[in-house]
N, C-alpha and C. Protein backbone atom coordinates (compact mmCIF):
# COMPACT_ATOMS: atom_id res chain seq x y z
N UNK A 1 3.25 -14.05 -5.51
CA UNK A 1 2.13 -13.39 -6.37
C UNK A 1 2.66 -13.15 -7.71
N UNK A 2 1.91 -13.46 -8.79
CA UNK A 2 2.40 -13.13 -10.14
C UNK A 2 2.35 -11.57 -10.35
N UNK A 3 3.10 -11.10 -11.33
CA UNK A 3 2.97 -9.62 -11.65
C UNK A 3 1.59 -9.26 -12.14
N UNK A 4 1.02 -10.09 -12.89
CA UNK A 4 -0.22 -9.84 -13.51
C UNK A 4 -1.42 -9.85 -12.49
N UNK A 5 -1.18 -10.76 -11.42
CA UNK A 5 -2.14 -10.82 -10.29
C UNK A 5 -1.99 -9.46 -9.56
N UNK A 6 -0.80 -8.99 -9.22
CA UNK A 6 -0.61 -7.75 -8.52
C UNK A 6 -1.12 -6.62 -9.23
N UNK A 7 -0.93 -6.56 -10.62
CA UNK A 7 -1.55 -5.44 -11.36
C UNK A 7 -2.96 -5.54 -11.33
N UNK A 8 -3.60 -6.55 -11.42
CA UNK A 8 -5.12 -6.66 -11.44
C UNK A 8 -5.70 -6.21 -10.13
N UNK A 9 -4.99 -6.62 -9.01
CA UNK A 9 -5.35 -6.11 -7.62
C UNK A 9 -5.32 -4.59 -7.55
N UNK A 10 -4.13 -4.09 -8.10
CA UNK A 10 -3.85 -2.61 -8.12
C UNK A 10 -4.88 -2.01 -9.05
N UNK A 11 -5.33 -2.64 -9.97
CA UNK A 11 -6.40 -1.88 -10.79
C UNK A 11 -7.72 -1.75 -10.16
N UNK A 12 -8.00 -2.86 -9.20
CA UNK A 12 -9.25 -2.77 -8.41
C UNK A 12 -9.13 -1.66 -7.31
N UNK A 13 -7.93 -1.47 -6.83
CA UNK A 13 -7.80 -0.56 -5.67
C UNK A 13 -7.60 0.89 -6.10
N UNK A 14 -7.02 1.11 -7.28
CA UNK A 14 -6.64 2.49 -7.68
C UNK A 14 -7.86 3.35 -7.81
N UNK A 15 -8.94 3.00 -8.36
CA UNK A 15 -10.19 3.90 -8.42
C UNK A 15 -10.69 4.42 -7.06
N UNK A 16 -10.50 3.50 -6.08
CA UNK A 16 -10.96 3.87 -4.72
C UNK A 16 -10.01 5.04 -4.17
N UNK A 17 -8.70 4.67 -4.40
CA UNK A 17 -7.69 5.71 -3.90
C UNK A 17 -7.65 7.02 -4.62
N UNK A 18 -8.17 7.07 -5.81
CA UNK A 18 -8.23 8.26 -6.54
C UNK A 18 -9.31 9.18 -6.03
N UNK A 19 -10.31 8.67 -5.32
CA UNK A 19 -11.37 9.40 -4.66
C UNK A 19 -11.06 9.98 -3.36
N UNK A 20 -9.93 9.52 -2.87
CA UNK A 20 -9.55 10.00 -1.39
C UNK A 20 -9.09 11.50 -1.56
N UNK A 21 -9.04 12.18 -0.48
CA UNK A 21 -8.68 13.56 -0.52
C UNK A 21 -7.21 13.80 -0.16
N UNK A 22 -6.49 12.55 -0.12
CA UNK A 22 -5.10 12.50 0.15
C UNK A 22 -4.39 12.03 -1.10
N UNK A 23 -3.07 12.31 -1.09
CA UNK A 23 -2.17 11.76 -2.09
C UNK A 23 -1.90 10.33 -1.57
N UNK A 24 -2.00 9.37 -2.60
CA UNK A 24 -1.82 7.90 -2.26
C UNK A 24 -0.67 7.43 -3.21
N UNK A 25 0.17 6.54 -2.54
CA UNK A 25 1.30 5.94 -3.23
C UNK A 25 0.97 4.51 -3.17
N UNK A 26 0.95 3.76 -4.42
CA UNK A 26 0.69 2.37 -4.45
C UNK A 26 1.86 1.72 -5.10
N UNK A 27 2.39 0.72 -4.31
CA UNK A 27 3.55 -0.01 -4.74
C UNK A 27 3.23 -1.24 -5.47
N UNK A 28 3.56 -1.43 -6.69
CA UNK A 28 3.21 -2.63 -7.48
C UNK A 28 4.51 -3.02 -8.26
N UNK A 29 4.94 -4.32 -7.79
CA UNK A 29 6.29 -4.81 -8.42
C UNK A 29 6.16 -4.87 -10.04
N UNK A 30 7.12 -4.80 -10.59
CA UNK A 30 7.26 -4.91 -12.03
C UNK A 30 6.45 -3.99 -12.80
N UNK A 31 6.45 -2.72 -12.41
CA UNK A 31 5.62 -1.67 -13.00
C UNK A 31 6.53 -0.54 -13.16
N UNK A 32 6.23 0.45 -14.04
CA UNK A 32 7.10 1.64 -14.15
C UNK A 32 6.46 2.73 -13.27
N UNK A 33 7.22 3.57 -12.80
CA UNK A 33 6.65 4.74 -11.98
C UNK A 33 5.74 5.55 -12.93
N UNK A 34 4.51 5.84 -12.45
CA UNK A 34 3.62 6.60 -13.26
C UNK A 34 2.52 7.20 -12.39
N UNK A 35 1.68 8.05 -12.90
CA UNK A 35 0.48 8.56 -12.28
C UNK A 35 -0.62 7.85 -12.89
N UNK A 36 -1.55 7.38 -11.93
CA UNK A 36 -2.50 6.45 -12.50
C UNK A 36 -3.83 7.15 -12.79
N UNK A 37 -3.80 8.17 -13.70
CA UNK A 37 -4.93 8.84 -14.07
C UNK A 37 -5.45 9.87 -13.12
N UNK A 38 -4.77 10.09 -12.05
CA UNK A 38 -5.09 11.14 -11.12
C UNK A 38 -3.82 11.71 -10.59
N UNK A 39 -3.74 12.91 -10.29
CA UNK A 39 -2.50 13.48 -9.80
C UNK A 39 -2.40 13.06 -8.30
N UNK A 40 -3.33 12.68 -7.60
CA UNK A 40 -3.20 12.03 -6.25
C UNK A 40 -2.86 10.69 -6.04
N UNK A 41 -2.65 10.04 -7.17
CA UNK A 41 -2.22 8.60 -7.02
C UNK A 41 -0.97 8.39 -7.75
N UNK A 42 0.03 7.74 -7.11
CA UNK A 42 1.40 7.52 -7.65
C UNK A 42 1.65 5.94 -7.76
N UNK A 43 1.75 5.36 -8.77
CA UNK A 43 2.14 3.98 -8.79
C UNK A 43 3.59 3.82 -8.88
N UNK A 44 4.21 3.07 -8.09
CA UNK A 44 5.74 2.91 -8.18
C UNK A 44 6.01 1.43 -7.93
N UNK A 45 7.26 1.13 -8.48
CA UNK A 45 7.56 -0.48 -8.45
C UNK A 45 8.17 -0.78 -6.98
N UNK A 46 8.68 0.13 -6.29
CA UNK A 46 9.33 0.03 -5.04
C UNK A 46 9.29 1.29 -4.32
N UNK A 47 9.31 1.25 -2.89
CA UNK A 47 9.50 2.55 -2.24
C UNK A 47 10.01 2.09 -0.78
N UNK A 48 10.76 2.99 -0.10
CA UNK A 48 11.29 2.79 1.23
C UNK A 48 10.06 2.88 2.19
N UNK A 49 9.38 1.70 2.47
CA UNK A 49 8.23 1.71 3.30
C UNK A 49 8.40 2.38 4.59
N UNK A 50 9.40 2.00 5.28
CA UNK A 50 9.65 2.45 6.65
C UNK A 50 9.81 3.95 6.61
N UNK A 51 10.44 4.45 5.57
CA UNK A 51 10.55 5.98 5.46
C UNK A 51 9.22 6.61 5.27
N UNK A 52 8.37 6.00 4.36
CA UNK A 52 7.14 6.61 4.00
C UNK A 52 6.28 6.53 5.29
N UNK A 53 6.23 5.45 6.13
CA UNK A 53 5.49 5.33 7.25
C UNK A 53 5.97 6.39 8.33
N UNK A 54 7.18 6.62 8.37
CA UNK A 54 7.73 7.54 9.36
C UNK A 54 7.52 9.08 8.89
N UNK A 55 7.04 9.29 7.68
CA UNK A 55 6.81 10.66 7.19
C UNK A 55 5.62 11.37 7.95
N UNK A 56 5.84 12.48 8.48
CA UNK A 56 4.70 13.17 9.24
C UNK A 56 3.44 13.34 8.53
N UNK A 57 3.38 13.25 7.17
CA UNK A 57 2.22 13.49 6.33
C UNK A 57 1.42 12.07 6.15
N UNK A 58 1.94 11.17 6.62
CA UNK A 58 1.35 9.77 6.43
C UNK A 58 0.26 9.59 7.31
N UNK A 59 -0.93 9.38 6.71
CA UNK A 59 -2.22 9.36 7.50
C UNK A 59 -2.71 7.95 7.78
N UNK A 60 -2.45 6.97 6.76
CA UNK A 60 -2.98 5.69 6.89
C UNK A 60 -2.11 4.72 6.06
N UNK A 61 -2.34 3.42 6.23
CA UNK A 61 -1.43 2.40 5.60
C UNK A 61 -2.31 1.28 5.18
N UNK A 62 -2.49 1.17 3.91
CA UNK A 62 -3.23 0.04 3.37
C UNK A 62 -2.24 -1.14 3.09
N UNK A 63 -2.31 -2.21 3.75
CA UNK A 63 -1.30 -3.33 3.61
C UNK A 63 -1.75 -4.68 3.53
N UNK A 64 -1.06 -5.63 3.16
CA UNK A 64 -1.45 -7.12 3.07
C UNK A 64 -1.39 -7.63 4.33
N UNK A 65 -0.69 -7.00 5.29
CA UNK A 65 -0.60 -7.63 6.65
C UNK A 65 0.63 -8.43 6.92
N UNK A 66 1.67 -8.39 6.16
CA UNK A 66 2.88 -9.14 6.54
C UNK A 66 3.40 -8.59 7.86
N UNK A 67 4.04 -9.42 8.67
CA UNK A 67 4.43 -9.12 9.88
C UNK A 67 5.31 -7.96 9.98
N UNK A 68 6.26 -7.73 8.98
CA UNK A 68 7.21 -6.72 9.04
C UNK A 68 6.36 -5.31 8.76
N UNK A 69 5.45 -5.34 7.90
CA UNK A 69 4.64 -4.17 7.61
C UNK A 69 3.96 -3.70 8.92
N UNK A 70 3.41 -4.70 9.63
CA UNK A 70 2.75 -4.36 10.80
C UNK A 70 3.63 -3.85 11.85
N UNK A 71 4.75 -4.44 11.89
CA UNK A 71 5.81 -3.91 13.01
C UNK A 71 6.17 -2.44 12.74
N UNK A 72 6.41 -2.15 11.38
CA UNK A 72 6.80 -0.81 10.99
C UNK A 72 5.62 0.28 11.19
N UNK A 73 4.38 -0.20 10.89
CA UNK A 73 3.29 0.67 11.12
C UNK A 73 3.02 0.91 12.56
N UNK A 74 3.06 -0.07 13.37
CA UNK A 74 2.88 0.14 14.84
C UNK A 74 3.94 0.95 15.39
N UNK A 75 5.23 0.79 14.96
CA UNK A 75 6.33 1.65 15.43
C UNK A 75 6.10 3.15 15.16
N UNK A 76 5.57 3.40 14.01
CA UNK A 76 5.33 4.78 13.66
C UNK A 76 3.94 5.28 13.98
N UNK A 77 3.20 4.42 14.70
CA UNK A 77 1.72 4.81 15.12
C UNK A 77 0.91 5.27 13.87
N UNK A 78 0.97 4.56 12.76
CA UNK A 78 0.10 4.81 11.58
C UNK A 78 -1.05 3.83 11.58
N UNK A 79 -2.18 4.37 11.44
CA UNK A 79 -3.35 3.51 11.39
C UNK A 79 -3.35 2.65 10.13
N UNK A 80 -3.84 1.39 10.15
CA UNK A 80 -3.84 0.46 9.11
C UNK A 80 -5.14 -0.02 8.66
N UNK A 81 -5.20 -0.28 7.38
CA UNK A 81 -6.27 -1.10 6.72
C UNK A 81 -5.64 -2.33 6.21
N UNK A 82 -5.99 -3.56 6.80
CA UNK A 82 -5.20 -4.72 6.44
C UNK A 82 -6.18 -5.57 5.53
N UNK A 83 -5.64 -5.90 4.27
CA UNK A 83 -6.24 -6.76 3.30
C UNK A 83 -5.41 -7.97 3.23
N UNK A 84 -5.67 -9.09 3.95
CA UNK A 84 -4.76 -10.23 3.96
C UNK A 84 -4.87 -11.05 2.58
N UNK A 85 -3.81 -11.57 2.13
CA UNK A 85 -3.81 -12.38 0.88
C UNK A 85 -3.46 -13.75 1.15
N UNK A 86 -2.62 -14.07 2.01
CA UNK A 86 -2.44 -15.47 2.38
C UNK A 86 -1.29 -15.66 3.42
N UNK A 87 -0.79 -16.84 3.59
CA UNK A 87 0.19 -17.09 4.62
C UNK A 87 -0.23 -16.75 6.05
N UNK A 88 0.57 -15.95 6.77
CA UNK A 88 0.27 -15.58 8.14
C UNK A 88 -0.48 -14.36 8.18
N UNK A 89 -0.87 -13.75 7.00
CA UNK A 89 -1.57 -12.42 6.99
C UNK A 89 -2.92 -12.47 7.53
N UNK A 90 -3.87 -13.48 7.27
CA UNK A 90 -5.10 -13.46 8.02
C UNK A 90 -5.07 -13.35 9.54
N UNK A 91 -4.15 -14.21 10.02
CA UNK A 91 -3.88 -14.18 11.53
C UNK A 91 -3.42 -12.89 11.99
N UNK A 92 -2.51 -12.24 11.24
CA UNK A 92 -1.95 -10.89 11.60
C UNK A 92 -2.99 -9.83 11.55
N UNK A 93 -4.00 -10.00 10.76
CA UNK A 93 -5.00 -8.93 10.50
C UNK A 93 -5.91 -8.87 11.76
N UNK A 94 -6.04 -9.88 12.48
CA UNK A 94 -6.95 -9.98 13.67
C UNK A 94 -6.63 -9.07 14.73
């Protein structure tokens, strides 16, 4: 997926995440770390996903549904919202 495509998807998701009552972290490649107009939304180019999922404050995981993301979320018993993009992700989301 191109950087511009990732950033446009992030731009669609960000307003929803800013309305949550939780702090949200959104990973978008080829971007700089910043706050996205709200103190509760942090946009980062990379993060240690497994560590984030293992953190006791993690309440949910919005994911594309790649198999390793699913394995990590299941291991840490974190509820998921899966938004498949392609490849094996639609099947994984079922």
